[in-house]
Amino acid sequence: MESFKAKFQALVVLEDQDIQQLLMKVWVQDPNPSTMKQFVVKENQEVVGVLSLKWKATSSLLPKTKPISWTPLIKQFGCFNVFKFLTGMHALDYKPAADECYIDHLAIRSSHRNQGIGRRFLAFAQQFTIDSGFHVLTLHVANKNQGAIHLYHKLAFEIEQSKYNYLRHFWFKEPVWHLMSWKGTKLPSRREHH
């Protein structure tokens, strides 16, 4: 919530704790045929970083996710907010291919940025990709997030395609998004880390 506050606030006019409640109620409902894993970094029992990876499920026997009950959501947050939030979240959704591991989100608490946590998370995701037998690790990044793009380039990610996305422009005021990918063969050598 803290890391993506600007994105959520671009979507809905709600207090932070309301956005958090709405997120918890709709986010858990992931009907996509993909599998997901969350990883956290903690300092003194407090979460300071989160990495979420997802990939396509190999089995066709997927558990049924229960549908969202709209009425209580609309009562609590208002029809327009619920509609905007779900449309916005849908605009950010991505379905990975069979041989692809996708970074759904990577968030570091603002007090812990520029300490190498993001870099270590990405190295972990690269190792996870290799160990799990995926051929490629991908992520989306907004064009205006040049700091992140620079870090991804340093870790051998390349821009696969750049797309103008009307929904993302409309909801998040960020028109151009890049799909970046890292192919498992190009792990940066230890020398490049220093």
Protein backbone atom coordinates (compact mmCIF):
# COMPACT_ATOMS: atom_id res chain seq x y z
CA MET A 1 0.00 0.00 0.00
CA GLU A 2 2.76 2.41 0.97
CA SER A 3 4.81 1.66 -2.15
CA PHE A 4 1.96 1.98 -4.64
CA LYS A 5 0.06 4.75 -2.83
CA ALA A 6 0.29 7.18 -5.78
CA LYS A 7 -1.20 4.59 -8.16
CA PHE A 8 -4.08 3.78 -5.81
CA GLN A 9 -4.76 7.45 -5.08
CA ALA A 10 -4.88 8.15 -8.81
CA LEU A 11 -7.70 5.59 -8.96
CA VAL A 12 -9.87 6.34 -5.97
CA VAL A 13 -10.62 9.14 -3.57
CA LEU A 14 -10.47 7.13 -0.36
CA GLU A 15 -8.50 7.25 2.88
CA ASP A 16 -5.40 5.01 2.98
CA GLN A 17 -6.99 2.47 5.35
CA ASP A 18 -10.06 2.23 3.09
CA ILE A 19 -7.88 1.64 0.03
CA GLN A 20 -6.07 -1.06 2.01
CA GLN A 21 -9.36 -2.75 2.99
CA LEU A 22 -10.67 -2.61 -0.58
CA LEU A 23 -7.38 -4.02 -1.87
CA MET A 24 -7.50 -6.92 0.60
CA LYS A 25 -11.08 -7.75 -0.38
CA VAL A 26 -10.52 -7.83 -4.14
CA TRP A 27 -6.88 -8.82 -4.43
CA VAL A 28 -7.17 -12.25 -2.87
CA GLN A 29 -9.73 -13.16 -5.52
CA ASP A 30 -7.36 -14.14 -8.31
CA PRO A 31 -9.32 -16.12 -10.90
CA ASN A 32 -6.38 -16.28 -13.32
CA PRO A 33 -5.00 -19.65 -14.38
CA SER A 34 -1.67 -18.80 -12.84
CA THR A 35 0.18 -19.72 -9.72
CA MET A 36 1.63 -17.08 -7.46
CA LYS A 37 4.21 -16.85 -4.67
CA GLN A 38 4.90 -13.93 -2.35
CA PHE A 39 8.28 -13.36 -0.72
CA VAL A 40 9.03 -10.84 2.01
CA VAL A 41 12.06 -9.17 3.53
CA LYS A 42 11.72 -8.44 7.23
CA GLU A 43 13.68 -6.27 9.59
CA ASN A 44 12.90 -6.71 13.31
CA GLN A 45 9.75 -8.70 12.43
CA GLU A 46 8.47 -5.86 10.24
CA VAL A 47 7.96 -6.36 6.50
CA VAL A 48 10.15 -3.90 4.57
CA GLY A 49 9.92 -5.46 1.11
CA VAL A 50 7.57 -7.67 -0.90
CA LEU A 51 8.16 -9.59 -4.12
CA SER A 52 5.32 -11.34 -5.91
CA LEU A 53 6.03 -13.82 -8.70
CA LYS A 54 3.43 -15.53 -10.84
CA TRP A 55 3.34 -18.04 -13.65
CA LYS A 56 0.86 -20.07 -15.64
CA ALA A 57 -0.49 -23.16 -13.93
CA THR A 58 0.36 -26.42 -15.65
CA SER A 59 -2.73 -28.24 -14.39
CA SER A 60 -6.15 -27.70 -15.87
CA LEU A 61 -7.73 -28.66 -12.53
CA LEU A 62 -7.68 -25.22 -10.99
CA PRO A 63 -9.36 -24.42 -7.70
CA LYS A 64 -12.51 -22.37 -8.16
CA THR A 65 -12.18 -18.90 -6.69
CA LYS A 66 -15.31 -17.65 -5.03
CA PRO A 67 -16.87 -14.66 -6.77
CA ILE A 68 -16.59 -11.20 -5.21
CA SER A 69 -19.74 -10.18 -3.33
CA TRP A 70 -20.36 -6.74 -4.81
CA THR A 71 -23.09 -5.38 -2.54
CA PRO A 72 -21.02 -5.01 0.67
CA LEU A 73 -18.10 -3.55 -1.31
CA ILE A 74 -20.32 -0.96 -3.01
CA LYS A 75 -22.01 -0.12 0.31
CA GLN A 76 -18.66 0.39 2.01
CA PHE A 77 -16.66 2.16 -0.72
CA GLY A 78 -19.21 3.47 -3.23
CA CYS A 79 -20.03 2.20 -6.70
CA PHE A 80 -17.70 4.54 -8.55
CA ASN A 81 -14.67 3.75 -6.35
CA VAL A 82 -15.21 -0.01 -6.63
CA PHE A 83 -15.64 0.23 -10.42
CA LYS A 84 -12.55 2.43 -10.87
CA PHE A 85 -10.43 0.28 -8.55
CA LEU A 86 -11.31 -3.01 -10.25
CA THR A 87 -10.94 -1.52 -13.74
CA GLY A 88 -7.57 -0.07 -12.77
CA MET A 89 -6.37 -3.34 -11.25
CA HIS A 90 -7.53 -5.16 -14.40
CA ALA A 91 -5.49 -2.72 -16.52
CA LEU A 92 -2.39 -3.77 -14.57
CA ASP A 93 -3.09 -7.48 -14.88
CA TYR A 94 -0.84 -9.65 -17.03
CA LYS A 95 -1.03 -13.33 -17.92
CA PRO A 96 2.36 -14.98 -18.28
CA ALA A 97 3.12 -17.58 -20.96
CA ALA A 98 3.88 -21.22 -20.08
CA ASP A 99 7.68 -20.82 -19.85
CA GLU A 100 7.61 -17.40 -18.19
CA CYS A 101 7.95 -16.23 -14.60
CA TYR A 102 6.48 -12.75 -14.09
CA ILE A 103 7.22 -10.18 -11.39
CA ASP A 104 3.70 -9.10 -10.48
CA HIS A 105 5.02 -6.53 -8.05
CA LEU A 106 8.14 -5.57 -6.18
CA ALA A 107 7.72 -3.09 -3.34
CA ILE A 108 10.26 -1.73 -0.89
CA ARG A 109 9.23 0.47 2.05
CA SER A 110 10.35 4.06 1.36
CA SER A 111 12.52 4.10 4.52
CA HIS A 112 14.49 1.11 3.19
CA ARG A 113 15.04 2.13 -0.43
CA ASN A 114 18.53 2.48 -1.95
CA GLN A 115 19.90 -0.19 0.39
CA GLY A 116 20.17 -2.93 -2.22
CA ILE A 117 17.01 -4.79 -1.18
CA GLY A 118 15.39 -4.43 -4.62
CA ARG A 119 18.58 -5.60 -6.33
CA ARG A 120 18.76 -8.66 -4.04
CA PHE A 121 15.08 -9.41 -4.65
CA LEU A 122 15.67 -9.30 -8.41
CA ALA A 123 18.70 -11.58 -8.13
CA PHE A 124 16.55 -13.95 -6.05
CA ALA A 125 13.80 -13.84 -8.73
CA GLN A 126 16.40 -14.61 -11.41
CA GLN A 127 17.66 -17.60 -9.43
CA PHE A 128 14.07 -18.74 -8.77
CA THR A 129 13.39 -18.53 -12.53
CA ILE A 130 16.37 -20.78 -13.32
CA ASP A 131 15.69 -23.24 -10.46
CA SER A 132 12.02 -23.55 -11.45
CA GLY A 133 12.85 -24.26 -15.09
CA PHE A 134 11.33 -21.11 -16.61
CA HIS A 135 13.04 -19.63 -19.68
CA VAL A 136 12.35 -15.97 -19.03
CA LEU A 137 11.65 -13.55 -16.18
CA THR A 138 9.48 -10.56 -17.09
CA LEU A 139 8.05 -7.41 -15.53
CA HIS A 140 6.21 -4.25 -16.50
CA VAL A 141 7.52 -0.80 -15.64
CA ALA A 142 6.15 2.67 -16.34
CA ASN A 143 8.36 4.71 -18.68
CA LYS A 144 8.61 7.55 -16.17
CA ASN A 145 10.12 5.20 -13.55
CA GLN A 146 13.62 5.72 -14.98
CA GLY A 147 15.37 4.73 -11.72
CA ALA A 148 13.81 1.26 -11.83
CA ILE A 149 14.49 0.89 -15.57
CA HIS A 150 18.17 1.73 -14.93
CA LEU A 151 18.37 -0.93 -12.20
CA TYR A 152 16.69 -3.55 -14.42
CA HIS A 153 19.15 -2.79 -17.26
CA LYS A 154 22.06 -3.23 -14.83
CA LEU A 155 20.69 -6.69 -13.99
CA ALA A 156 20.55 -7.69 -17.68
CA PHE A 157 16.84 -7.04 -18.27
CA GLU A 158 16.02 -5.73 -21.72
CA ILE A 159 12.99 -3.87 -23.02
CA GLU A 160 11.00 -6.42 -24.97
CA GLN A 161 8.22 -4.06 -26.05
CA SER A 162 6.95 -0.60 -25.20
CA LYS A 163 3.24 -0.02 -25.35
CA TYR A 164 0.90 2.86 -25.02
CA ASN A 165 -1.95 1.64 -22.82
CA TYR A 166 -5.08 3.78 -22.84
CA LEU A 167 -6.49 2.35 -19.59
CA ARG A 168 -3.22 2.75 -17.72
CA HIS A 169 -2.86 6.29 -19.08
CA PHE A 170 -6.43 7.13 -18.12
CA TRP A 171 -6.36 5.62 -14.63
CA PHE A 172 -2.72 6.10 -13.60
CA LYS A 173 -1.60 9.09 -15.75
CA GLU A 174 1.27 6.90 -17.00
CA PRO A 175 0.86 6.40 -20.76
CA VAL A 176 3.85 4.29 -21.81
CA TRP A 177 4.75 0.98 -20.17
CA HIS A 178 7.63 -1.35 -20.98
CA LEU A 179 7.59 -5.12 -20.81
CA MET A 180 11.13 -6.00 -19.76
CA SER A 181 12.59 -9.48 -19.84
CA TRP A 182 15.58 -11.35 -18.55
CA LYS A 183 16.61 -14.57 -20.25
CA GLY A 184 18.03 -17.14 -17.84
CA THR A 185 21.41 -17.45 -19.54
CA LYS A 186 22.65 -13.96 -18.69
CA LEU A 187 23.20 -13.94 -14.92
CA PRO A 188 25.46 -10.97 -14.11
CA SER A 189 28.90 -12.11 -12.98
CA ARG A 190 30.08 -11.41 -9.43
CA ARG A 191 32.57 -8.81 -10.79
CA GLU A 192 29.73 -6.67 -12.16
CA HIS A 193 28.19 -6.38 -8.67
CA HIS A 194 31.03 -4.27 -7.30
